[in-house]
Amino acid sequence: EAGALVARAARHLDLSGVAGALDGLVCALVARRPRLERLTLAGCRGITDVAVVAVAKTCGELGTLSLRRCGITDASLCALAQGCRKLRHIDLHQCEGISDIGVQAVVRSCTGLLHLDLGSCQGVMLDATADAIADHCRSLQHLELDLCYWITDRGVQRVAKACGDLRHIELHHCGHLSDAAVSTLAVSCPRLEHVSLDSCHAITDAAILALAHSGVRSGRGLLRLGLDRCHNVTDRALQELARSSHDLECLSLLGCERITDSTLYVVAKHCPRLRTLCLDRCGRITDSAVTVVCRSCPLLEFMSLVSCGTLSDSCLHAVRQHCQRLQVLKVYLCGRISDAGARALAEAMPELRFFR
């Protein structure tokens, strides 16, 4: 057992969140670990290209690399493209110094990529990079492009058509996208499980219906769907989606003002595995629908009902009665919820993180 631990330590290195200048430390550590397979440097602001270039020159077996929020540039990515062609998972979230040039170098060389996170890389993801992903990373399963403002329908469609095994895609705040991109994803990627479209304001029912119909065809449906601030989505589309997604675990509808109780009744009937539900600023939701969800979805762990002005103590009573697994409940700005109702809930569920 001790030998196994030593061998694992030689293959896995996690320095996430360590502060200060780290280039020298990383260079020394990887020099003694040439067979390193997994390296996590997430949040290490003191990491620069010097350390990553050393990793690329030494660790040819590297399969998983997290550089989330590191101060690197394209020089690091070009070095990785040359020295770490076995990369399967790379996290570049919020690496603000990189550009399409570096990302294209990586995807052209690391053709076995399964997981690519470019979230909050605001200078990245022209359609040319989407073309490179489509041409070279056909096994991709997980793609995060949130806040990649420049991606268009054409880019997403190219990736969707080439990467048919895609399971997880995040596109929130990609403001140029329309129903066309989502419809192509739905048709071309039948194994989709997680779709995030928060603040994609042009999205309408057509996109959600395409996802619903894909779920019917595949018999799988979605596990997680984010539609925060998608103001054009209505009950009709969400009800169809719920009917096709029996294993849905997470549904976020913050600011979807057109949603009413009728959608929640369908969710309650067809999605008993729901664990996370966000209905912030869905002002047409009432106690009746929340009560039905609480009764029908016993696995709920997180529920946010911020600024749902019609809700009262009745919904808190439903939580007490039916949501024994609930860990977090948010009811800020729900003016009809009383101090007495809040106290009763807190006393009945002392472990609950209750925000009011």
Protein backbone atom coordinates (compact mmCIF):
# COMPACT_ATOMS: atom_id res chain seq x y z
CA GLU A 1 0.00 0.00 0.00
CA ALA A 2 2.82 2.42 0.83
CA GLY A 3 4.44 1.66 -2.51
CA ALA A 4 1.19 2.43 -4.29
CA LEU A 5 0.94 5.77 -2.52
CA VAL A 6 4.49 6.67 -3.52
CA ALA A 7 3.80 5.71 -7.12
CA ARG A 8 0.63 7.79 -7.13
CA ALA A 9 2.49 10.79 -5.69
CA ALA A 10 4.95 10.48 -8.57
CA ARG A 11 2.10 10.66 -11.07
CA HIS A 12 -0.23 13.23 -9.45
CA LEU A 13 0.69 16.71 -8.20
CA ASP A 14 -1.81 19.22 -6.79
CA LEU A 15 -0.66 22.75 -5.85
CA SER A 16 -4.03 24.42 -6.37
CA GLY A 17 -4.46 27.70 -4.53
CA VAL A 18 -0.84 27.99 -3.36
CA ALA A 19 0.13 31.67 -3.21
CA GLY A 20 3.37 33.38 -4.15
CA ALA A 21 5.97 32.89 -6.86
CA LEU A 22 5.92 29.20 -7.74
CA ASP A 23 7.91 28.80 -10.94
CA GLY A 24 11.03 27.55 -9.14
CA LEU A 25 9.09 25.09 -7.00
CA VAL A 26 7.17 23.66 -9.95
CA CYS A 27 10.33 23.30 -12.03
CA ALA A 28 12.03 21.41 -9.19
CA LEU A 29 9.06 19.16 -8.52
CA VAL A 30 8.42 18.14 -12.12
CA ALA A 31 12.11 17.47 -12.69
CA ARG A 32 11.72 14.60 -10.20
CA ARG A 33 8.41 13.44 -11.73
CA PRO A 34 9.00 12.85 -15.46
CA ARG A 35 6.07 10.40 -15.56
CA LEU A 36 3.60 12.91 -14.13
CA GLU A 37 0.08 12.25 -15.41
CA ARG A 38 -2.00 14.84 -13.55
CA LEU A 39 -0.99 18.38 -12.55
CA THR A 40 -3.30 20.87 -10.86
CA LEU A 41 -2.17 24.50 -10.56
CA ALA A 42 -5.62 26.08 -10.36
CA GLY A 43 -5.60 29.53 -8.79
CA CYS A 44 -1.81 29.77 -8.64
CA ARG A 45 -1.47 33.36 -9.75
CA GLY A 46 2.30 33.17 -9.31
CA ILE A 47 2.68 30.60 -12.08
CA THR A 48 4.11 31.96 -15.33
CA ASP A 49 5.19 30.55 -18.67
CA VAL A 50 8.53 29.55 -17.14
CA ALA A 51 6.93 26.78 -15.07
CA VAL A 52 4.58 25.54 -17.79
CA VAL A 53 7.36 25.37 -20.37
CA ALA A 54 9.36 23.25 -17.90
CA VAL A 55 6.35 20.95 -17.48
CA ALA A 56 6.01 20.63 -21.24
CA LYS A 57 9.67 19.74 -21.68
CA THR A 58 9.68 17.15 -18.87
CA CYS A 59 6.24 15.54 -18.61
CA GLY A 60 5.40 13.88 -21.89
CA GLU A 61 2.90 11.52 -20.21
CA LEU A 62 0.77 14.35 -18.82
CA GLY A 63 -2.93 13.65 -19.38
CA THR A 64 -4.69 16.15 -17.11
CA LEU A 65 -3.65 19.77 -16.54
CA SER A 66 -5.43 22.58 -14.73
CA LEU A 67 -4.09 26.10 -15.23
CA ARG A 68 -7.29 27.80 -14.13
CA ARG A 69 -6.69 31.49 -13.30
CA CYS A 70 -2.94 31.22 -13.94
CA GLY A 71 -1.02 34.13 -15.47
CA ILE A 72 0.17 32.30 -18.56
CA THR A 73 0.33 33.31 -22.22
CA ASP A 74 0.32 31.58 -25.59
CA ALA A 75 3.98 30.64 -25.01
CA SER A 76 2.80 28.07 -22.46
CA LEU A 77 0.19 26.64 -24.78
CA CYS A 78 2.59 26.35 -27.70
CA ALA A 79 5.06 24.52 -25.46
CA LEU A 80 2.34 22.14 -24.27
CA ALA A 81 1.35 21.50 -27.86
CA GLN A 82 4.89 20.35 -28.56
CA GLY A 83 5.64 18.39 -25.39
CA CYS A 84 2.33 17.10 -23.98
CA ARG A 85 0.47 15.57 -26.89
CA LYS A 86 -1.24 13.01 -24.63
CA LEU A 87 -3.32 15.66 -22.87
CA ARG A 88 -6.94 14.58 -22.44
CA HIS A 89 -8.17 17.21 -19.98
CA ILE A 90 -7.05 20.83 -19.96
CA ASP A 91 -8.58 23.61 -17.86
CA LEU A 92 -7.71 27.14 -19.03
CA HIS A 93 -10.61 28.87 -17.30
CA GLN A 94 -9.95 32.59 -16.82
CA CYS A 95 -6.44 32.47 -18.28
CA GLU A 96 -6.71 36.03 -19.49
CA GLY A 97 -3.32 36.16 -21.22
CA ILE A 98 -4.01 33.52 -23.84
CA SER A 99 -5.46 33.91 -27.32
CA ASP A 100 -6.80 31.83 -30.17
CA ILE A 101 -3.25 31.27 -31.41
CA GLY A 102 -2.26 29.25 -28.35
CA VAL A 103 -5.55 27.37 -28.09
CA GLN A 104 -5.38 26.37 -31.75
CA ALA A 105 -1.84 25.04 -31.23
CA VAL A 106 -3.04 22.81 -28.38
CA VAL A 107 -6.10 21.40 -30.13
CA ARG A 108 -4.15 20.66 -33.31
CA SER A 109 -1.55 18.65 -31.37
CA CYS A 110 -3.62 17.09 -28.58
CA THR A 111 -6.07 15.25 -30.76
CA GLY A 112 -7.30 13.00 -27.96
CA LEU A 113 -8.74 15.86 -25.91
CA LEU A 114 -11.89 14.93 -24.02
CA HIS A 115 -12.26 18.02 -21.80
CA LEU A 116 -11.51 21.63 -22.78
CA ASP A 117 -12.39 24.55 -20.52
CA LEU A 118 -12.00 28.02 -22.06
CA GLY A 119 -14.53 29.70 -19.81
CA SER A 120 -13.98 33.40 -19.13
CA CYS A 121 -11.15 33.54 -21.67
CA GLN A 122 -12.68 36.61 -23.23
CA GLY A 123 -10.07 37.03 -25.95
CA VAL A 124 -10.53 33.47 -27.19
CA MET A 125 -12.85 31.52 -29.43
CA LEU A 126 -13.09 33.00 -32.85
CA ASP A 127 -14.80 30.65 -35.25
CA ALA A 128 -11.34 29.66 -36.54
CA THR A 129 -10.66 28.04 -33.16
CA ALA A 130 -13.99 26.22 -33.37
CA ASP A 131 -12.89 24.96 -36.79
CA ALA A 132 -9.62 23.68 -35.28
CA ILE A 133 -11.52 21.86 -32.51
CA ALA A 134 -13.87 20.32 -35.07
CA ASP A 135 -11.01 19.21 -37.29
CA HIS A 136 -8.73 17.74 -34.62
CA CYS A 137 -10.67 16.91 -31.42
CA ARG A 138 -13.51 14.71 -32.57
CA SER A 139 -13.59 12.76 -29.30
CA LEU A 140 -14.34 15.88 -27.23
CA GLN A 141 -16.96 15.31 -24.52
CA HIS A 142 -16.78 18.44 -22.34
CA LEU A 143 -16.51 22.00 -23.64
CA GLU A 144 -16.83 25.22 -21.65
CA LEU A 145 -17.04 28.50 -23.55
CA ASP A 146 -18.83 30.77 -21.08
CA LEU A 147 -18.04 34.46 -21.65
CA CYS A 148 -16.34 33.66 -24.96
CA TYR A 149 -18.18 36.54 -26.59
CA TRP A 150 -16.95 36.04 -30.14
CA ILE A 151 -18.24 32.53 -30.78
CA THR A 152 -21.07 32.44 -33.32
CA ASP A 153 -23.69 29.96 -34.44
CA ARG A 154 -21.38 28.78 -37.20
CA GLY A 155 -18.59 27.94 -34.77
CA VAL A 156 -20.84 26.00 -32.41
CA GLN A 157 -22.44 24.18 -35.32
CA ARG A 158 -19.03 23.11 -36.65
CA VAL A 159 -18.07 21.68 -33.26
CA ALA A 160 -21.44 19.99 -32.81
CA LYS A 161 -21.33 18.25 -36.18
CA ALA A 162 -17.76 17.02 -35.66
CA CYS A 163 -17.92 16.11 -31.96
CA GLY A 164 -20.93 13.86 -31.79
CA ASP A 165 -19.94 12.44 -28.39
CA LEU A 166 -20.23 15.82 -26.68
CA ARG A 167 -21.90 15.45 -23.26
CA HIS A 168 -21.35 18.80 -21.53
CA ILE A 169 -21.36 22.28 -23.05
CA GLU A 170 -21.43 25.68 -21.36
CA LEU A 171 -22.25 28.70 -23.48
CA HIS A 172 -23.54 31.24 -21.00
CA HIS A 173 -23.05 34.90 -21.93
CA CYS A 174 -22.27 33.95 -25.54
CA GLY A 175 -24.47 36.71 -26.86
CA HIS A 176 -24.14 36.01 -30.58
CA LEU A 177 -25.76 32.59 -30.35
CA SER A 178 -29.28 31.82 -31.50
CA ASP A 179 -31.62 28.84 -31.68
CA ALA A 180 -29.70 27.59 -34.72
CA ALA A 181 -26.62 26.67 -32.65
CA VAL A 182 -28.61 24.85 -29.98
CA SER A 183 -30.75 23.02 -32.53
CA THR A 184 -27.61 21.68 -34.23
CA LEU A 185 -26.24 20.54 -30.88
CA ALA A 186 -29.50 18.75 -30.16
CA VAL A 187 -29.49 16.91 -33.49
CA SER A 188 -25.77 16.14 -33.71
CA CYS A 189 -24.93 15.33 -30.07
CA PRO A 190 -27.47 12.77 -28.82
CA ARG A 191 -25.51 12.12 -25.60
CA LEU A 192 -25.79 15.69 -24.32
CA GLU A 193 -26.38 15.75 -20.58
CA HIS A 194 -25.44 19.25 -19.44
CA VAL A 195 -26.34 22.42 -21.36
CA SER A 196 -25.82 25.92 -19.99
CA LEU A 197 -27.27 28.84 -21.97
CA ASP A 198 -27.48 31.49 -19.23
CA SER A 199 -27.79 35.02 -20.64
CA CYS A 200 -28.02 33.84 -24.24
CA HIS A 201 -30.82 36.32 -24.76
CA ALA A 202 -31.72 35.32 -28.32
CA ILE A 203 -32.63 31.77 -27.29
CA THR A 204 -36.33 30.95 -27.67
CA ASP A 205 -38.64 27.97 -27.29
CA ALA A 206 -37.33 26.55 -30.57
CA ALA A 207 -33.95 25.73 -29.01
CA ILE A 208 -35.47 24.09 -25.93
CA LEU A 209 -37.93 22.09 -28.01
CA ALA A 210 -35.02 20.80 -30.11
CA LEU A 211 -33.30 19.59 -26.93
CA ALA A 212 -36.56 18.00 -25.79
CA HIS A 213 -37.05 16.18 -29.07
CA SER A 214 -33.46 14.95 -28.97
CA GLY A 215 -34.12 13.52 -25.52
CA VAL A 216 -37.16 11.68 -26.84
CA ARG A 217 -35.18 10.22 -29.73
CA SER A 218 -32.22 9.12 -27.62
CA GLY A 219 -34.24 8.04 -24.60
CA ARG A 220 -31.73 9.87 -22.40
CA GLY A 221 -32.72 13.50 -21.86
CA LEU A 222 -30.72 16.14 -20.01
CA LEU A 223 -29.32 15.95 -16.48
CA ARG A 224 -28.61 19.68 -16.10
CA LEU A 225 -30.04 22.73 -17.87
CA GLY A 226 -29.21 26.39 -17.25
CA LEU A 227 -31.45 29.06 -18.79
CA ASP A 228 -30.90 32.03 -16.49
CA ARG A 229 -32.13 35.27 -18.05
CA CYS A 230 -33.41 33.54 -21.19
CA HIS A 231 -36.44 35.81 -21.24
CA ASN A 232 -38.02 34.37 -24.38
CA VAL A 233 -38.44 30.83 -23.06
CA THR A 234 -42.00 29.87 -22.11
CA ASP A 235 -43.92 27.13 -20.33
CA ARG A 236 -44.58 25.23 -23.55
CA ALA A 237 -40.93 24.45 -24.26
CA LEU A 238 -39.92 23.74 -20.68
CA GLN A 239 -42.79 21.32 -20.20
CA GLU A 240 -41.71 19.36 -23.27
CA LEU A 241 -38.14 19.35 -21.97
CA ALA A 242 -39.25 18.05 -18.57
CA ARG A 243 -41.28 15.26 -20.17
CA SER A 244 -38.18 14.04 -22.04
CA SER A 245 -35.69 14.42 -19.15
CA HIS A 246 -36.78 12.03 -16.42
CA ASP A 247 -33.31 12.05 -14.85
CA LEU A 248 -33.04 15.84 -14.70
CA GLU A 249 -31.03 16.82 -11.62
CA CYS A 250 -30.49 20.57 -12.03
CA LEU A 251 -32.77 23.23 -13.50
CA SER A 252 -31.92 26.93 -13.30
CA LEU A 253 -34.46 29.47 -14.57
CA LEU A 254 -33.38 32.71 -12.89
CA GLY A 255 -35.18 35.64 -14.45
CA CYS A 256 -37.39 33.57 -16.76
CA GLU A 257 -40.39 35.76 -16.01
CA ARG A 258 -42.75 33.98 -18.40
CA ILE A 259 -42.62 30.70 -16.48
CA THR A 260 -45.71 29.81 -14.45
CA ASP A 261 -46.89 27.10 -12.08
CA SER A 262 -47.84 24.86 -14.98
CA THR A 263 -44.17 24.20 -15.77
CA LEU A 264 -43.40 23.24 -12.18
CA TYR A 265 -46.32 20.82 -12.13
CA VAL A 266 -44.83 19.01 -15.14
CA VAL A 267 -41.33 19.09 -13.64
CA ALA A 268 -42.70 17.61 -10.42
CA LYS A 269 -44.43 14.82 -12.32
CA HIS A 270 -41.59 13.85 -14.65
CA CYS A 271 -38.34 14.81 -12.85
CA PRO A 272 -38.35 13.12 -9.43
CA ARG A 273 -34.53 13.08 -9.28
CA LEU A 274 -34.27 16.87 -9.21
CA ARG A 275 -31.60 18.06 -6.77
CA THR A 276 -31.07 21.72 -7.67
CA LEU A 277 -33.80 24.23 -8.59
CA CYS A 278 -33.37 27.96 -9.11
CA LEU A 279 -36.47 30.08 -9.72
CA ASP A 280 -35.13 33.50 -8.72
CA ARG A 281 -37.24 36.35 -10.11
CA CYS A 282 -39.85 33.97 -11.53
CA GLY A 283 -42.59 36.18 -10.17
CA ARG A 284 -45.53 34.11 -11.41
CA ILE A 285 -44.64 31.05 -9.33
CA THR A 286 -46.96 30.40 -6.37
CA ASP A 287 -46.96 28.38 -3.15
CA SER A 288 -49.06 25.70 -4.80
CA ALA A 289 -46.43 24.80 -7.40
CA VAL A 290 -43.53 24.94 -4.94
CA THR A 291 -45.45 22.62 -2.62
CA VAL A 292 -45.99 20.10 -5.42
CA VAL A 293 -42.28 20.17 -6.29
CA CYS A 294 -41.30 19.65 -2.64
CA ARG A 295 -43.67 16.71 -2.37
CA SER A 296 -42.59 15.08 -5.64
CA CYS A 297 -38.81 15.71 -5.59
CA PRO A 298 -37.52 14.28 -2.29
CA LEU A 299 -33.87 14.48 -3.39
CA LEU A 300 -33.84 18.29 -3.50
CA GLU A 301 -30.64 19.68 -1.96
CA PHE A 302 -30.63 23.29 -3.18
CA MET A 303 -33.58 25.58 -3.90
CA SER A 304 -33.45 29.30 -4.60
CA LEU A 305 -36.67 31.34 -4.72
CA VAL A 306 -35.26 34.85 -4.48
CA SER A 307 -37.66 37.66 -5.36
CA CYS A 308 -40.65 35.39 -5.90
CA GLY A 309 -43.07 37.88 -4.41
CA THR A 310 -46.17 35.68 -4.24
CA LEU A 311 -44.60 33.03 -2.00
CA SER A 312 -45.62 32.82 1.64
CA ASP A 313 -45.09 30.67 4.72
CA SER A 314 -46.97 27.87 2.96
CA CYS A 315 -43.94 27.02 0.85
CA LEU A 316 -41.79 26.87 3.99
CA HIS A 317 -44.26 24.43 5.50
CA ALA A 318 -43.89 22.25 2.39
CA VAL A 319 -40.12 22.33 2.78
CA ARG A 320 -40.43 21.21 6.41
CA GLN A 321 -42.77 18.39 5.49
CA HIS A 322 -41.06 16.98 2.40
CA CYS A 323 -37.48 18.19 1.85
CA GLN A 324 -35.44 16.31 4.40
CA ARG A 325 -32.33 16.37 2.19
CA LEU A 326 -32.44 20.10 1.50
CA GLN A 327 -29.16 21.78 2.39
CA VAL A 328 -29.66 25.34 1.06
CA LEU A 329 -32.81 27.45 0.75
CA LYS A 330 -32.80 31.08 -0.41
CA VAL A 331 -35.91 33.24 -0.09
CA TYR A 332 -34.54 36.78 -0.16
CA LEU A 333 -37.06 39.45 -1.14
CA CYS A 334 -40.06 37.18 -0.64
CA GLY A 335 -42.08 39.76 1.27
CA ARG A 336 -44.96 37.48 2.28
CA ILE A 337 -42.70 35.10 4.22
CA SER A 338 -43.00 36.01 7.91
CA ASP A 339 -40.49 35.97 10.74
CA ALA A 340 -42.63 33.33 12.46
CA GLY A 341 -42.54 31.08 9.39
CA ALA A 342 -38.80 31.48 9.08
CA ARG A 343 -38.26 30.65 12.77
CA ALA A 344 -40.41 27.54 12.51
CA LEU A 345 -38.37 26.30 9.56
CA ALA A 346 -35.07 27.04 11.30
CA GLU A 347 -36.18 25.15 14.40
CA ALA A 348 -37.45 22.15 12.42
CA MET A 349 -34.35 21.97 10.16
CA PRO A 350 -31.38 23.30 12.16
CA GLU A 351 -28.83 22.00 9.63
CA LEU A 352 -30.45 23.89 6.75
CA ARG A 353 -28.54 26.88 5.39
CA PHE A 354 -31.48 29.26 5.19
CA PHE A 355 -31.05 32.69 3.60
CA ARG A 356 -33.83 35.21 3.97
